[in-house]
Amino acid sequence: MYSSSVILTTKPEEYFQYIGLAEIIKPNKINPDSFGGSVYVDIGESGWQTTNINIILKGLSDSEKQFFRNL
């Protein structure tokens, strides 16, 4: 099993200088207005040698959801 940390930011270059080995990945899809009120973030593609990641953020305030709308 593989595990890693994720930083969600609009300014990845600021983190890259501190975490030089970090891989910068742009999400495929961000849905801040899902039916259940959660924010869905889809990263990567599912394939033979790759995988995709679905991040579900629950209980966010309207201002926190606005962050994802502005990405």
PDB file of N, CA and C in Angstrom:
ATOM      1  N   MET A   1       0.842  -1.172   0.000  1.00  0.00           N
ATOM      2  CA  MET A   1       0.000   0.000   0.000  1.00  0.00           C
ATOM      3  C   MET A   1       0.888   1.236   0.000  1.00  0.00           C
ATOM      4  N   TYR A   2       0.497   2.225  -0.744  1.00  0.00           N
ATOM      5  CA  TYR A   2       1.240   3.476  -0.875  1.00  0.00           C
ATOM      6  C   TYR A   2       0.480   4.579  -0.158  1.00  0.00           C
ATOM      7  N   SER A   3       1.184   5.383   0.595  1.00  0.00           N
ATOM      8  CA  SER A   3       0.534   6.529   1.238  1.00  0.00           C
ATOM      9  C   SER A   3       1.364   7.774   0.993  1.00  0.00           C
ATOM     10  N   SER A   4       0.697   8.902   1.005  1.00  0.00           N
ATOM     11  CA  SER A   4       1.355  10.166   0.719  1.00  0.00           C
ATOM     12  C   SER A   4       0.548  11.290   1.330  1.00  0.00           C
ATOM     13  N   SER A   5       1.147  12.452   1.394  1.00  0.00           N
ATOM     14  CA  SER A   5       0.444  13.643   1.874  1.00  0.00           C
ATOM     15  C   SER A   5      -0.033  14.464   0.692  1.00  0.00           C
ATOM     16  N   VAL A   6      -1.107  15.202   0.910  1.00  0.00           N
ATOM     17  CA  VAL A   6      -1.665  16.059  -0.130  1.00  0.00           C
ATOM     18  C   VAL A   6      -1.792  17.465   0.425  1.00  0.00           C
ATOM     19  N   ILE A   7      -1.340  18.437  -0.352  1.00  0.00           N
ATOM     20  CA  ILE A   7      -1.522  19.844  -0.003  1.00  0.00           C
ATOM     21  C   ILE A   7      -2.401  20.460  -1.077  1.00  0.00           C
ATOM     22  N   LEU A   8      -3.557  20.969  -0.693  1.00  0.00           N
ATOM     23  CA  LEU A   8      -4.446  21.636  -1.632  1.00  0.00           C
ATOM     24  C   LEU A   8      -4.183  23.134  -1.529  1.00  0.00           C
ATOM     25  N   THR A   9      -3.694  23.717  -2.606  1.00  0.00           N
ATOM     26  CA  THR A   9      -3.325  25.126  -2.588  1.00  0.00           C
ATOM     27  C   THR A   9      -3.476  25.734  -3.969  1.00  0.00           C
ATOM     28  N   THR A  10      -3.621  27.041  -4.020  1.00  0.00           N
ATOM     29  CA  THR A  10      -3.644  27.748  -5.301  1.00  0.00           C
ATOM     30  C   THR A  10      -2.254  28.255  -5.664  1.00  0.00           C
ATOM     31  N   LYS A  11      -1.267  28.053  -4.774  1.00  0.00           N
ATOM     32  CA  LYS A  11       0.099  28.535  -5.007  1.00  0.00           C
ATOM     33  C   LYS A  11       1.110  27.409  -4.762  1.00  0.00           C
ATOM     34  N   PRO A  12       1.141  26.389  -5.631  1.00  0.00           N
ATOM     35  CA  PRO A  12       2.031  25.247  -5.394  1.00  0.00           C
ATOM     36  C   PRO A  12       3.505  25.616  -5.401  1.00  0.00           C
ATOM     37  N   GLU A  13       3.876  26.662  -6.131  1.00  0.00           N
ATOM     38  CA  GLU A  13       5.287  27.042  -6.202  1.00  0.00           C
ATOM     39  C   GLU A  13       5.841  27.434  -4.832  1.00  0.00           C
ATOM     40  N   GLU A  14       5.008  27.932  -3.948  1.00  0.00           N
ATOM     41  CA  GLU A  14       5.462  28.300  -2.610  1.00  0.00           C
ATOM     42  C   GLU A  14       5.816  27.065  -1.782  1.00  0.00           C
ATOM     43  N   TYR A  15       5.127  25.967  -1.988  1.00  0.00           N
ATOM     44  CA  TYR A  15       5.415  24.744  -1.252  1.00  0.00           C
ATOM     45  C   TYR A  15       6.546  23.960  -1.886  1.00  0.00           C
ATOM     46  N   PHE A  16       6.692  24.069  -3.193  1.00  0.00           N
ATOM     47  CA  PHE A  16       7.696  23.292  -3.907  1.00  0.00           C
ATOM     48  C   PHE A  16       9.102  23.633  -3.434  1.00  0.00           C
ATOM     49  N   GLN A  17       9.345  24.884  -3.043  1.00  0.00           N
ATOM     50  CA  GLN A  17      10.684  25.250  -2.580  1.00  0.00           C
ATOM     51  C   GLN A  17      11.034  24.562  -1.259  1.00  0.00           C
ATOM     52  N   TYR A  18      10.040  24.197  -0.459  1.00  0.00           N
ATOM     53  CA  TYR A  18      10.281  23.507   0.805  1.00  0.00           C
ATOM     54  C   TYR A  18      10.209  21.996   0.670  1.00  0.00           C
ATOM     55  N   ILE A  19       9.429  21.543  -0.265  1.00  0.00           N
ATOM     56  CA  ILE A  19       9.254  20.107  -0.489  1.00  0.00           C
ATOM     57  C   ILE A  19       9.686  19.822  -1.921  1.00  0.00           C
ATOM     58  N   GLY A  20      10.982  19.846  -2.161  1.00  0.00           N
ATOM     59  CA  GLY A  20      11.527  19.749  -3.508  1.00  0.00           C
ATOM     60  C   GLY A  20      11.202  18.465  -4.236  1.00  0.00           C
ATOM     61  N   LEU A  21      10.945  17.408  -3.515  1.00  0.00           N
ATOM     62  CA  LEU A  21      10.641  16.133  -4.155  1.00  0.00           C
ATOM     63  C   LEU A  21       9.157  15.956  -4.421  1.00  0.00           C
ATOM     64  N   ALA A  22       8.382  16.953  -4.081  1.00  0.00           N
ATOM     65  CA  ALA A  22       6.931  16.851  -4.252  1.00  0.00           C
ATOM     66  C   ALA A  22       6.566  16.821  -5.730  1.00  0.00           C
ATOM     67  N   GLU A  23       5.591  16.020  -6.045  1.00  0.00           N
ATOM     68  CA  GLU A  23       5.059  15.971  -7.404  1.00  0.00           C
ATOM     69  C   GLU A  23       3.822  16.855  -7.447  1.00  0.00           C
ATOM     70  N   ILE A  24       3.847  17.837  -8.341  1.00  0.00           N
ATOM     71  CA  ILE A  24       2.726  18.759  -8.476  1.00  0.00           C
ATOM     72  C   ILE A  24       1.719  18.132  -9.429  1.00  0.00           C
ATOM     73  N   ILE A  25       0.523  17.868  -8.931  1.00  0.00           N
ATOM     74  CA  ILE A  25      -0.522  17.233  -9.728  1.00  0.00           C
ATOM     75  C   ILE A  25      -1.737  18.147  -9.741  1.00  0.00           C
ATOM     76  N   LYS A  26      -2.207  18.428 -10.922  1.00  0.00           N
ATOM     77  CA  LYS A  26      -3.411  19.236 -11.048  1.00  0.00           C
ATOM     78  C   LYS A  26      -4.629  18.310 -11.011  1.00  0.00           C
ATOM     79  N   PRO A  27      -5.602  18.612 -10.167  1.00  0.00           N
ATOM     80  CA  PRO A  27      -6.802  17.761 -10.110  1.00  0.00           C
ATOM     81  C   PRO A  27      -7.531  17.720 -11.450  1.00  0.00           C
ATOM     82  N   ASN A  28      -8.092  16.561 -11.778  1.00  0.00           N
ATOM     83  CA  ASN A  28      -8.887  16.422 -12.997  1.00  0.00           C
ATOM     84  C   ASN A  28     -10.209  17.160 -12.874  1.00  0.00           C
ATOM     85  N   LYS A  29     -10.812  17.069 -11.694  1.00  0.00           N
ATOM     86  CA  LYS A  29     -12.134  17.658 -11.499  1.00  0.00           C
ATOM     87  C   LYS A  29     -12.296  18.048 -10.043  1.00  0.00           C
ATOM     88  N   ILE A  30     -12.885  19.213  -9.824  1.00  0.00           N
ATOM     89  CA  ILE A  30     -13.232  19.663  -8.478  1.00  0.00           C
ATOM     90  C   ILE A  30     -14.700  20.040  -8.499  1.00  0.00           C
ATOM     91  N   ASN A  31     -15.478  19.449  -7.603  1.00  0.00           N
ATOM     92  CA  ASN A  31     -16.903  19.750  -7.522  1.00  0.00           C
ATOM     93  C   ASN A  31     -17.219  20.273  -6.119  1.00  0.00           C
ATOM     94  N   PRO A  32     -17.242  21.613  -5.950  1.00  0.00           N
ATOM     95  CA  PRO A  32     -17.530  22.177  -4.630  1.00  0.00           C
ATOM     96  C   PRO A  32     -19.017  22.225  -4.301  1.00  0.00           C
ATOM     97  N   ASP A  33     -19.867  21.894  -5.261  1.00  0.00           N
ATOM     98  CA  ASP A  33     -21.316  21.997  -5.073  1.00  0.00           C
ATOM     99  C   ASP A  33     -22.001  20.662  -5.323  1.00  0.00           C
ATOM    100  N   SER A  34     -21.483  19.601  -4.727  1.00  0.00           N
ATOM    101  CA  SER A  34     -22.069  18.285  -4.945  1.00  0.00           C
ATOM    102  C   SER A  34     -23.417  18.173  -4.247  1.00  0.00           C
ATOM    103  N   PHE A  35     -24.165  17.160  -4.621  1.00  0.00           N
ATOM    104  CA  PHE A  35     -25.522  16.956  -4.110  1.00  0.00           C
ATOM    105  C   PHE A  35     -25.553  16.855  -2.588  1.00  0.00           C
ATOM    106  N   GLY A  36     -24.597  16.164  -2.001  1.00  0.00           N
ATOM    107  CA  GLY A  36     -24.580  15.961  -0.554  1.00  0.00           C
ATOM    108  C   GLY A  36     -23.958  17.096   0.233  1.00  0.00           C
ATOM    109  N   GLY A  37     -23.515  18.159  -0.441  1.00  0.00           N
ATOM    110  CA  GLY A  37     -22.903  19.284   0.243  1.00  0.00           C
ATOM    111  C   GLY A  37     -21.413  19.125   0.488  1.00  0.00           C
ATOM    112  N   SER A  38     -20.835  18.017   0.061  1.00  0.00           N
ATOM    113  CA  SER A  38     -19.403  17.784   0.211  1.00  0.00           C
ATOM    114  C   SER A  38     -18.658  18.333  -0.996  1.00  0.00           C
ATOM    115  N   VAL A  39     -17.350  18.457  -0.865  1.00  0.00           N
ATOM    116  CA  VAL A  39     -16.493  18.850  -1.981  1.00  0.00           C
ATOM    117  C   VAL A  39     -15.773  17.596  -2.463  1.00  0.00           C
ATOM    118  N   TYR A  40     -15.872  17.302  -3.752  1.00  0.00           N
ATOM    119  CA  TYR A  40     -15.208  16.157  -4.351  1.00  0.00           C
ATOM    120  C   TYR A  40     -14.028  16.639  -5.180  1.00  0.00           C
ATOM    121  N   VAL A  41     -12.866  15.998  -4.991  1.00  0.00           N
ATOM    122  CA  VAL A  41     -11.665  16.303  -5.758  1.00  0.00           C
ATOM    123  C   VAL A  41     -11.196  14.994  -6.382  1.00  0.00           C
ATOM    124  N   ASP A  42     -11.125  14.945  -7.713  1.00  0.00           N
ATOM    125  CA  ASP A  42     -10.657  13.763  -8.436  1.00  0.00           C
ATOM    126  C   ASP A  42      -9.269  14.049  -8.988  1.00  0.00           C
ATOM    127  N   ILE A  43      -8.326  13.142  -8.705  1.00  0.00           N
ATOM    128  CA  ILE A  43      -6.942  13.296  -9.137  1.00  0.00           C
ATOM    129  C   ILE A  43      -6.502  12.006  -9.816  1.00  0.00           C
ATOM    130  N   GLY A  44      -5.793  12.139 -10.938  1.00  0.00           N
ATOM    131  CA  GLY A  44      -5.212  10.984 -11.612  1.00  0.00           C
ATOM    132  C   GLY A  44      -6.194  10.248 -12.487  1.00  0.00           C
ATOM    133  N   GLU A  45      -5.674   9.186 -13.114  1.00  0.00           N
ATOM    134  CA  GLU A  45      -6.481   8.348 -13.991  1.00  0.00           C
ATOM    135  C   GLU A  45      -6.280   6.896 -13.601  1.00  0.00           C
ATOM    136  N   SER A  46      -7.325   6.144 -13.655  1.00  0.00           N
ATOM    137  CA  SER A  46      -7.239   4.728 -13.338  1.00  0.00           C
ATOM    138  C   SER A  46      -6.747   3.969 -14.562  1.00  0.00           C
ATOM    139  N   GLY A  47      -5.734   3.155 -14.370  1.00  0.00           N
ATOM    140  CA  GLY A  47      -5.183   2.374 -15.471  1.00  0.00           C
ATOM    141  C   GLY A  47      -4.385   1.196 -14.946  1.00  0.00           C
ATOM    142  N   TRP A  48      -3.674   0.516 -15.844  1.00  0.00           N
ATOM    143  CA  TRP A  48      -2.912  -0.669 -15.473  1.00  0.00           C
ATOM    144  C   TRP A  48      -1.792  -0.342 -14.488  1.00  0.00           C
ATOM    145  N   GLN A  49      -1.038   0.734 -14.738  1.00  0.00           N
ATOM    146  CA  GLN A  49       0.099   1.103 -13.899  1.00  0.00           C
ATOM    147  C   GLN A  49      -0.177   2.339 -13.045  1.00  0.00           C
ATOM    148  N   THR A  50      -1.356   2.902 -13.155  1.00  0.00           N
ATOM    149  CA  THR A  50      -1.681   4.128 -12.427  1.00  0.00           C
ATOM    150  C   THR A  50      -2.995   3.949 -11.668  1.00  0.00           C
ATOM    151  N   THR A  51      -3.298   4.916 -10.876  1.00  0.00           N
ATOM    152  CA  THR A  51      -4.551   4.876 -10.127  1.00  0.00           C
ATOM    153  C   THR A  51      -5.108   6.284 -10.013  1.00  0.00           C
ATOM    154  N   ASN A  52      -6.347   6.362  -9.649  1.00  0.00           N
ATOM    155  CA  ASN A  52      -6.944   7.669  -9.415  1.00  0.00           C
ATOM    156  C   ASN A  52      -7.269   7.804  -7.933  1.00  0.00           C
ATOM    157  N   ILE A  53      -7.413   9.040  -7.505  1.00  0.00           N
ATOM    158  CA  ILE A  53      -7.709   9.340  -6.109  1.00  0.00           C
ATOM    159  C   ILE A  53      -8.964  10.186  -6.068  1.00  0.00           C
ATOM    160  N   ASN A  54      -9.891   9.815  -5.223  1.00  0.00           N
ATOM    161  CA  ASN A  54     -11.096  10.611  -4.990  1.00  0.00           C
ATOM    162  C   ASN A  54     -11.052  11.102  -3.554  1.00  0.00           C
ATOM    163  N   ILE A  55     -11.019  12.411  -3.383  1.00  0.00           N
ATOM    164  CA  ILE A  55     -10.997  13.010  -2.054  1.00  0.00           C
ATOM    165  C   ILE A  55     -12.363  13.623  -1.805  1.00  0.00           C
ATOM    166  N   ILE A  56     -12.975  13.281  -0.687  1.00  0.00           N
ATOM    167  CA  ILE A  56     -14.279  13.828  -0.320  1.00  0.00           C
ATOM    168  C   ILE A  56     -14.097  14.636   0.959  1.00  0.00           C
ATOM    169  N   LEU A  57     -14.385  15.924   0.875  1.00  0.00           N
ATOM    170  CA  LEU A  57     -14.259  16.820   2.021  1.00  0.00           C
ATOM    171  C   LEU A  57     -15.653  17.154   2.522  1.00  0.00           C
ATOM    172  N   LYS A  58     -15.947  16.771   3.752  1.00  0.00           N
ATOM    173  CA  LYS A  58     -17.281  16.976   4.316  1.00  0.00           C
ATOM    174  C   LYS A  58     -17.238  18.046   5.394  1.00  0.00           C
ATOM    175  N   GLY A  59     -18.367  18.712   5.581  1.00  0.00           N
ATOM    176  CA  GLY A  59     -18.514  19.664   6.675  1.00  0.00           C
ATOM    177  C   GLY A  59     -17.787  20.979   6.488  1.00  0.00           C
ATOM    178  N   LEU A  60     -17.512  21.359   5.245  1.00  0.00           N
ATOM    179  CA  LEU A  60     -16.821  22.626   5.000  1.00  0.00           C
ATOM    180  C   LEU A  60     -17.796  23.794   5.073  1.00  0.00           C
ATOM    181  N   SER A  61     -17.288  24.931   5.511  1.00  0.00           N
ATOM    182  CA  SER A  61     -18.105  26.146   5.541  1.00  0.00           C
ATOM    183  C   SER A  61     -18.230  26.704   4.126  1.00  0.00           C
ATOM    184  N   ASP A  62     -19.123  27.659   3.931  1.00  0.00           N
ATOM    185  CA  ASP A  62     -19.287  28.278   2.613  1.00  0.00           C
ATOM    186  C   ASP A  62     -18.008  28.966   2.165  1.00  0.00           C
ATOM    187  N   SER A  63     -17.283  29.597   3.080  1.00  0.00           N
ATOM    188  CA  SER A  63     -16.035  30.266   2.697  1.00  0.00           C
ATOM    189  C   SER A  63     -14.964  29.247   2.305  1.00  0.00           C
ATOM    190  N   GLU A  64     -14.948  28.090   2.949  1.00  0.00           N
ATOM    191  CA  GLU A  64     -14.003  27.040   2.570  1.00  0.00           C
ATOM    192  C   GLU A  64     -14.361  26.456   1.205  1.00  0.00           C
ATOM    193  N   LYS A  65     -15.646  26.293   0.926  1.00  0.00           N
ATOM    194  CA  LYS A  65     -16.069  25.818  -0.396  1.00  0.00           C
ATOM    195  C   LYS A  65     -15.725  26.837  -1.474  1.00  0.00           C
ATOM    196  N   GLN A  66     -15.785  28.112  -1.132  1.00  0.00           N
ATOM    197  CA  GLN A  66     -15.451  29.167  -2.092  1.00  0.00           C
ATOM    198  C   GLN A  66     -13.999  29.039  -2.545  1.00  0.00           C
ATOM    199  N   PHE A  67     -13.117  28.589  -1.678  1.00  0.00           N
ATOM    200  CA  PHE A  67     -11.722  28.346  -2.040  1.00  0.00           C
ATOM    201  C   PHE A  67     -11.650  27.417  -3.249  1.00  0.00           C
ATOM    202  N   PHE A  68     -12.432  26.349  -3.235  1.00  0.00           N
ATOM    203  CA  PHE A  68     -12.410  25.382  -4.328  1.00  0.00           C
ATOM    204  C   PHE A  68     -13.078  25.930  -5.582  1.00  0.00           C
ATOM    205  N   ARG A  69     -14.041  26.795  -5.440  1.00  0.00           N
ATOM    206  CA  ARG A  69     -14.667  27.424  -6.611  1.00  0.00           C
ATOM    207  C   ARG A  69     -13.679  28.332  -7.334  1.00  0.00           C
ATOM    208  N   ASN A  70     -12.726  28.891  -6.604  1.00  0.00           N
ATOM    209  CA  ASN A  70     -11.767  29.837  -7.178  1.00  0.00           C
ATOM    210  C   ASN A  70     -10.539  29.165  -7.770  1.00  0.00           C
ATOM    211  N   LEU A  71     -10.407  27.851  -7.640  1.00  0.00           N
ATOM    212  CA  LEU A  71      -9.237  27.163  -8.192  1.00  0.00           C
ATOM    213  C   LEU A  71      -9.279  27.123  -9.696  1.00  0.00           C
TER     214      LEU A  71
END
